[in-house]
Structures are given as structure tokens and as C-alpha cells.
Amino acid sequence: MSESWVQIQAEEVEALCSIFDEKQWKRDENSSKRTYTLTIDHRPERAISMELTFVDGYPIDEPLIYNLRGPWLRGEERQELINILENIYLYDDLYCFYFQHCCRFHSRENIGKPVAFLWADALRDFVDRSSNSNETVTAQPIEPMVSQCSISAATATLPPIYSDETFEDRKSVFQAHLSPVHSKEEVQLVLNKLKENKKIANATHNMYAYRIWDEKRNAVLADCDDDGETGASSRMLHLMDIADIKNVLVIVSRWFGGILLHNDRFKHINNACRMILVNHSYIKKAPDAIKNKSHKSP
């Protein structure tokens, strides 16, 4: 393997630091080991802490060591969480060996891949659930949606929303969404409706850009938002500017997979934005463009 475990660990820790604030992700300064604690506590009554020890050799030669803590987490619910985590690792062909409260995860084929972020994502989903929910939590992204939606007649009309297929690079998953909009109010309605979907709401980033032709002002209204992925939405808006696209909103969701993509992430975000605009005829399709159909529910 070309990367040393030191570099992989450093990148994984850096990635987690960029996602969680210093109260949620802390290093244990009293430990002689590289031990961090991730606390998911936006629902205090269901707060969980996960202690992660990055041992020498992880992830290439050694497993990640973790310890779960939560006053409410016992009995069936604790076993349910363990099963969820185990299933995530089984999806990646990883095998789990339990040692009372401390677990080590070994992989027959995937030693060398960082796994801490997958656990963090699963914990966040688990805490978000109500205590009586029977929903199965996974670390997988949403299936392609989306439908033409309607809301109360007392409010503005919600435009149709479309989504492209998801695509993946090094466990980060991307998905573009598009809606024809003619006002800022419609933009907000679309953003709100998309975030009613739990997986979209829990995406690491939902960056967006829009351009709207304002006939009264005889001018284009344009704006964008990075949602934590600094510089991403301005690139999307630049693409829309140079193509002189009007009356459309594009959102790109990214589910971070624990491996830093560096500048490749901007390439993927821009490509996702471009392809959904191509698919809906806002941009002329190049002869060799890759097909990537959008979905609209009946």
C-alpha cells in the first residue's frame, strides 16, 4: 500500500475534526495512546459517547479499538446498536469479535481501510431515532428520489424536484437534485422539502446554487451556499453563470465516507451539478457525455 498508516490516521482524524466540533470530538490528553472521544448529544436523553483508540498500524495492520458509553444504552437497545454496526461492517466484508465492552474489528479483505467515520455516521443516525422506532439504520445513502411534491394550498406552490443517481468515490457518496424555481420563496420551499428526507437532512453537506430571472428588476437574482464545503457552491454558481442558466436551483448532497478526497471533491460536485443540468436540457449535452438519468416519482 502506498500510504503509511500514519498518514491514513492523520487524514481520518482531520476529516472527523472538520465534521464535528471540539465539544463532540475530543482527544484524551491524559492518555498515552491516540484516543479520541466522539459524543453525539443533540438529543441529551439519548446521548452516546464512542471512545476510539488509533493504535499503531491501524488501519493497515491493526484493528480500530472502540468503547461505547451511554447511560440509557443497555439491554436490547445496546444489542440493537451492536447489530447495526456489525451489519455495516458485514456490508464491507468485515468481521467482528466481541470482548465484553471493548470490540476489535478485523477484515479478511479490507484491512487498510479507515472505518471510524462509518461508526460516527451510524451513531448519529441511531441517536436521531425515537426510542420506539422500528426503523433500521444503515450508513448507506438514499435511493434516488424525487417526486413532484405538493403542500398546503394556503402556501406557495412547491415546484417539482428531481434527483440524479448517486455515485461514489472512496466511500464518499454524491447526489444532485434540481428544481425549476422562479422566486426565493420557491427556493426555500424546495430546500425544506428535500430536508424532510432524513438521509438528505443528515448528509454531510447540502450545497446549492440558483439563478432566477427577475422580470420586474430586469436582472438575474443569484445566490449559493456551501453548507460547510467551502468553495463548492461558488463553483456550481460559476458553471450556471457561464452557461447563462436561469430559473433553476441545483443542490448537491455529499455523504462523507471518512477518506479525504482533496480537490477531487470539487470535481465530483461540479460534475454532479453539470450532469443534472444536462439531463434536464439546461445545458447542451456533449456527444460523449455520460448518461445519468434523473428520477421523478409518479
Protein backbone atom coordinates (compact mmCIF):
# COMPACT_ATOMS: atom_id res chain seq x y z
CA MET A 1 0.00 0.00 0.00
CA SER A 2 1.40 3.40 -0.98
CA GLU A 3 0.15 5.33 2.07
CA SER A 4 1.55 4.68 5.52
CA TRP A 5 -0.79 4.08 8.44
CA VAL A 6 0.46 7.33 9.99
CA GLN A 7 -0.78 9.36 7.04
CA ILE A 8 -4.10 7.50 6.86
CA GLN A 9 -4.74 8.02 10.57
CA ALA A 10 -3.87 11.72 10.31
CA GLU A 11 -6.27 12.20 7.40
CA GLU A 12 -9.08 10.33 9.13
CA VAL A 13 -8.68 12.36 12.33
CA GLU A 14 -8.53 15.58 10.28
CA ALA A 15 -11.71 14.60 8.48
CA LEU A 16 -13.56 13.90 11.73
CA CYS A 17 -12.33 17.22 13.15
CA SER A 18 -13.79 19.00 10.11
CA ILE A 19 -17.21 17.39 10.60
CA PHE A 20 -17.63 17.54 14.38
CA ASP A 21 -16.95 20.49 16.67
CA GLU A 22 -14.43 20.44 19.50
CA LYS A 23 -17.10 19.55 22.06
CA GLN A 24 -18.18 16.50 20.10
CA TRP A 25 -14.73 15.28 19.04
CA LYS A 26 -12.04 15.43 21.73
CA ARG A 27 -8.63 13.90 22.19
CA ASP A 28 -7.91 12.34 25.58
CA GLU A 29 -4.86 14.35 26.61
CA ASN A 30 -4.37 12.13 29.67
CA SER A 31 -3.96 9.01 27.60
CA SER A 32 -0.59 7.88 26.30
CA LYS A 33 -2.42 6.44 23.28
CA ARG A 34 -4.07 8.27 20.39
CA THR A 35 -7.53 8.10 21.93
CA TYR A 36 -10.43 10.31 20.93
CA THR A 37 -14.00 10.51 22.18
CA LEU A 38 -16.89 11.27 19.88
CA THR A 39 -20.06 12.40 21.66
CA ILE A 40 -23.42 12.55 19.90
CA ASP A 41 -25.61 14.55 22.26
CA HIS A 42 -28.02 16.72 20.27
CA ARG A 43 -30.69 14.60 21.96
CA PRO A 44 -29.41 14.65 25.58
CA GLU A 45 -31.71 11.87 26.71
CA ARG A 46 -30.12 9.57 24.10
CA ALA A 47 -26.52 10.84 24.17
CA ILE A 48 -23.82 8.31 23.26
CA SER A 49 -20.05 8.57 23.55
CA MET A 50 -17.73 6.41 21.50
CA GLU A 51 -14.09 6.17 22.55
CA LEU A 52 -11.77 5.36 19.63
CA THR A 53 -8.15 4.30 20.05
CA PHE A 54 -5.98 4.64 16.95
CA VAL A 55 -3.32 2.04 17.65
CA ASP A 56 0.00 1.83 15.80
CA GLY A 57 -0.57 0.09 12.49
CA TYR A 58 -4.26 0.94 12.13
CA PRO A 59 -5.81 0.61 9.62
CA ILE A 60 -3.23 -1.29 7.58
CA ASP A 61 -2.14 -3.97 10.05
CA GLU A 62 -4.12 -3.43 13.24
CA PRO A 63 -7.84 -3.04 14.03
CA LEU A 64 -9.55 0.03 15.42
CA ILE A 65 -10.43 -0.29 19.12
CA TYR A 66 -13.60 1.29 20.43
CA ASN A 67 -15.69 1.56 23.58
CA LEU A 68 -19.35 2.64 23.73
CA ARG A 69 -20.83 4.58 26.64
CA GLY A 70 -24.39 5.75 27.23
CA PRO A 71 -26.39 5.62 30.50
CA TRP A 72 -29.55 4.61 28.61
CA LEU A 73 -27.77 2.18 26.31
CA ARG A 74 -28.35 -1.25 27.77
CA GLY A 75 -30.10 -4.50 27.11
CA GLU A 76 -31.95 -4.81 23.82
CA GLU A 77 -31.09 -1.31 22.61
CA ARG A 78 -27.38 -1.88 23.17
CA GLN A 79 -27.57 -5.16 21.29
CA GLU A 80 -29.55 -3.47 18.52
CA LEU A 81 -26.82 -0.87 18.08
CA ILE A 82 -24.15 -3.57 18.05
CA ASN A 83 -26.11 -5.42 15.38
CA ILE A 84 -26.43 -2.26 13.28
CA LEU A 85 -22.70 -1.64 13.49
CA GLU A 86 -21.93 -5.26 12.73
CA ASN A 87 -24.19 -5.18 9.68
CA ILE A 88 -22.41 -2.10 8.38
CA TYR A 89 -19.11 -3.92 8.66
CA LEU A 90 -20.53 -7.06 7.14
CA TYR A 91 -21.58 -4.92 4.19
CA ASP A 92 -17.89 -4.10 3.84
CA ASP A 93 -16.98 -7.76 4.43
CA LEU A 94 -15.62 -7.04 7.91
CA TYR A 95 -15.82 -9.49 10.77
CA CYS A 96 -16.42 -8.60 14.40
CA PHE A 97 -15.03 -10.19 17.55
CA TYR A 98 -16.50 -9.09 20.85
CA PHE A 99 -14.53 -8.67 24.06
CA GLN A 100 -17.08 -7.63 26.69
CA HIS A 101 -17.36 -3.80 26.47
CA CYS A 102 -14.46 -3.40 24.07
CA CYS A 103 -14.53 -4.59 20.47
CA ARG A 104 -11.92 -5.03 17.77
CA PHE A 105 -12.82 -5.13 14.11
CA HIS A 106 -10.81 -7.26 11.72
CA SER A 107 -11.22 -7.55 7.99
CA ARG A 108 -10.45 -10.54 5.87
CA GLU A 109 -10.18 -8.48 2.71
CA ASN A 110 -10.40 -4.82 3.72
CA ILE A 111 -7.56 -4.29 6.18
CA GLY A 112 -6.12 -0.92 5.33
CA LYS A 113 -9.38 1.00 5.01
CA PRO A 114 -10.33 3.60 7.64
CA VAL A 115 -13.61 2.85 9.39
CA ALA A 116 -14.10 5.43 12.17
CA PHE A 117 -16.36 7.70 10.15
CA LEU A 118 -18.76 4.87 9.31
CA TRP A 119 -19.24 4.31 13.02
CA ALA A 120 -19.72 8.02 13.68
CA ASP A 121 -22.38 8.22 10.98
CA ALA A 122 -24.20 5.16 12.34
CA LEU A 123 -24.17 6.57 15.87
CA ARG A 124 -25.61 9.85 14.68
CA ASP A 125 -28.43 8.04 12.90
CA PHE A 126 -29.10 5.83 15.91
CA VAL A 127 -29.38 8.80 18.29
CA ASP A 128 -31.74 10.54 15.86
CA ARG A 129 -34.22 7.72 16.12
CA SER A 130 -37.06 7.76 18.59
CA SER A 131 -36.81 5.13 21.29
CA ASN A 132 -39.85 3.26 19.97
CA SER A 133 -38.82 3.35 16.30
CA ASN A 134 -38.53 0.09 14.43
CA GLU A 135 -36.62 1.72 11.62
CA THR A 136 -33.41 0.01 10.52
CA VAL A 137 -30.45 2.39 10.46
CA THR A 138 -27.70 1.99 7.88
CA ALA A 139 -24.80 4.05 6.66
CA GLN A 140 -25.98 3.90 3.06
CA PRO A 141 -27.17 6.97 1.16
CA ILE A 142 -30.72 7.46 0.00
CA GLU A 143 -32.09 5.82 -3.09
CA PRO A 144 -32.71 8.16 -6.00
CA MET A 145 -35.89 10.04 -5.27
CA VAL A 146 -37.56 12.52 -6.14
CA SER A 147 -41.09 13.47 -6.89
CA GLN A 148 -43.21 16.40 -7.78
CA CYS A 149 -44.42 17.43 -4.39
CA SER A 150 -47.36 19.42 -3.17
CA ILE A 151 -48.01 21.35 0.00
CA SER A 152 -50.98 23.07 1.53
CA ALA A 153 -53.00 25.25 -0.82
CA ALA A 154 -52.63 28.03 1.74
CA THR A 155 -48.92 28.32 0.92
CA ALA A 156 -46.92 28.88 -2.26
CA THR A 157 -46.74 26.07 -4.79
CA LEU A 158 -43.81 23.75 -4.45
CA PRO A 159 -42.07 23.10 -7.79
CA PRO A 160 -41.18 19.59 -8.97
CA ILE A 161 -37.92 18.19 -7.61
CA TYR A 162 -35.70 15.73 -9.45
CA SER A 163 -32.68 13.70 -8.31
CA ASP A 164 -29.91 12.00 -10.25
CA GLU A 165 -28.45 8.62 -9.40
CA THR A 166 -25.92 8.56 -6.57
CA PHE A 167 -22.27 7.93 -7.37
CA GLU A 168 -19.37 7.09 -5.09
CA ASP A 169 -15.65 7.73 -4.79
CA ARG A 170 -13.65 6.30 -1.89
CA LYS A 171 -16.81 5.86 0.21
CA SER A 172 -17.97 9.46 -0.27
CA VAL A 173 -21.36 9.47 -2.00
CA PHE A 174 -22.71 12.32 -4.13
CA GLN A 175 -26.19 13.05 -5.46
CA ALA A 176 -27.54 16.05 -7.36
CA HIS A 177 -31.07 17.46 -7.12
CA LEU A 178 -32.73 20.03 -9.37
CA SER A 179 -35.87 22.12 -9.29
CA PRO A 180 -37.20 24.80 -11.66
CA VAL A 181 -37.74 27.85 -9.46
CA HIS A 182 -38.94 31.40 -10.07
CA SER A 183 -38.60 33.03 -6.66
CA LYS A 184 -36.58 32.90 -3.47
CA GLU A 185 -39.68 31.59 -1.71
CA GLU A 186 -39.74 28.59 -4.02
CA VAL A 187 -36.03 28.01 -3.37
CA GLN A 188 -36.72 27.81 0.36
CA LEU A 189 -39.71 25.51 -0.15
CA VAL A 190 -37.57 23.11 -2.18
CA LEU A 191 -34.74 23.14 0.38
CA ASN A 192 -37.20 22.50 3.20
CA LYS A 193 -38.92 19.67 1.31
CA LEU A 194 -35.65 17.93 0.48
CA LYS A 195 -34.58 18.05 4.11
CA GLU A 196 -37.75 16.29 5.15
CA ASN A 197 -35.95 13.24 3.82
CA LYS A 198 -33.86 12.04 6.75
CA LYS A 199 -30.91 10.93 4.66
CA ILE A 200 -30.68 14.22 2.81
CA ALA A 201 -31.00 16.14 6.07
CA ASN A 202 -28.14 14.07 7.51
CA ALA A 203 -25.85 14.48 4.51
CA THR A 204 -22.50 15.93 5.49
CA HIS A 205 -23.04 18.80 3.05
CA ASN A 206 -26.01 20.01 1.01
CA MET A 207 -24.53 22.79 -1.13
CA TYR A 208 -26.73 24.67 -3.55
CA ALA A 209 -26.78 27.42 -6.16
CA TYR A 210 -29.59 29.12 -8.04
CA ARG A 211 -30.20 31.75 -10.72
CA ILE A 212 -33.61 33.39 -11.16
CA TRP A 213 -34.66 35.93 -13.76
CA ASP A 214 -36.47 38.82 -12.08
CA GLU A 215 -38.65 40.47 -14.73
CA LYS A 216 -39.54 43.43 -12.54
CA ARG A 217 -35.90 44.31 -11.97
CA ASN A 218 -34.80 43.08 -15.38
CA ALA A 219 -31.93 41.29 -13.65
CA VAL A 220 -30.77 37.87 -12.50
CA LEU A 221 -31.07 37.01 -8.81
CA ALA A 222 -28.34 34.53 -7.87
CA ASP A 223 -27.06 33.04 -4.66
CA CYS A 224 -25.26 29.96 -3.34
CA ASP A 225 -24.46 28.23 -0.06
CA ASP A 226 -21.54 25.89 0.76
CA ASP A 227 -23.12 24.20 3.81
CA GLY A 228 -19.63 23.67 5.20
CA GLU A 229 -17.91 22.58 1.97
CA THR A 230 -16.02 25.82 1.47
CA GLY A 231 -15.85 26.98 -2.13
CA ALA A 232 -18.09 24.27 -3.58
CA SER A 233 -21.27 26.24 -4.23
CA SER A 234 -19.45 29.18 -5.84
CA ARG A 235 -18.06 26.72 -8.40
CA MET A 236 -21.59 25.47 -9.07
CA LEU A 237 -22.84 29.02 -9.50
CA HIS A 238 -19.94 29.87 -11.81
CA LEU A 239 -20.94 26.97 -14.05
CA MET A 240 -24.51 28.26 -14.13
CA ASP A 241 -23.29 31.80 -14.81
CA ILE A 242 -21.14 30.94 -17.80
CA ALA A 243 -23.97 28.83 -19.27
CA ASP A 244 -26.40 31.71 -18.58
CA ILE A 245 -28.87 29.34 -16.92
CA LYS A 246 -31.98 30.91 -15.43
CA ASN A 247 -34.82 29.84 -13.15
CA VAL A 248 -33.26 26.73 -11.68
CA LEU A 249 -31.95 25.54 -8.33
CA VAL A 250 -29.32 22.80 -8.07
CA ILE A 251 -28.44 21.07 -4.81
CA VAL A 252 -25.59 18.58 -4.45
CA SER A 253 -25.64 16.31 -1.40
CA ARG A 254 -22.45 14.69 -0.19
CA TRP A 255 -22.20 11.91 2.38
CA PHE A 256 -18.58 11.91 3.53
CA GLY A 257 -17.12 8.40 3.79
CA GLY A 258 -14.12 9.02 6.04
CA ILE A 259 -11.45 9.40 3.34
CA LEU A 260 -10.34 12.87 2.28
CA LEU A 261 -10.79 13.47 -1.45
CA HIS A 262 -8.94 16.81 -1.51
CA ASN A 263 -9.61 18.65 -4.81
CA ASP A 264 -11.37 15.63 -6.29
CA ARG A 265 -14.42 16.52 -4.23
CA PHE A 266 -14.86 19.76 -6.17
CA LYS A 267 -14.56 17.86 -9.44
CA HIS A 268 -17.32 15.47 -8.36
CA ILE A 269 -19.58 18.26 -7.10
CA ASN A 270 -19.20 20.23 -10.32
CA ASN A 271 -19.76 17.14 -12.45
CA ALA A 272 -22.90 16.29 -10.48
CA CYS A 273 -24.17 19.82 -11.00
CA ARG A 274 -23.32 19.80 -14.71
CA MET A 275 -24.86 16.38 -15.40
CA ILE A 276 -28.23 17.12 -13.82
CA LEU A 277 -28.37 20.37 -15.82
CA VAL A 278 -27.57 18.35 -18.95
CA ASN A 279 -30.20 15.75 -18.11
CA HIS A 280 -32.87 18.46 -17.92
CA SER A 281 -31.72 20.34 -21.02
CA TYR A 282 -30.42 23.43 -19.25
CA ILE A 283 -27.02 22.70 -20.81
CA LYS A 284 -26.47 21.17 -24.22
CA LYS A 285 -25.30 17.58 -23.93
CA ALA A 286 -21.82 16.86 -25.22
CA PRO A 287 -21.57 13.93 -27.69
CA ASP A 288 -19.56 11.81 -25.28
CA ALA A 289 -21.45 12.80 -22.13
CA ILE A 290 -22.14 10.00 -19.70
CA LYS A 291 -25.77 9.05 -19.30
CA ASN A 292 -27.11 9.63 -15.80
CA LYS A 293 -30.89 9.64 -15.72
CA SER A 294 -32.87 11.61 -13.15
CA HIS A 295 -35.88 10.19 -11.41
CA LYS A 296 -39.28 11.65 -10.75
CA SER A 297 -41.84 9.66 -8.84
CA PRO A 298 -45.32 9.31 -10.28
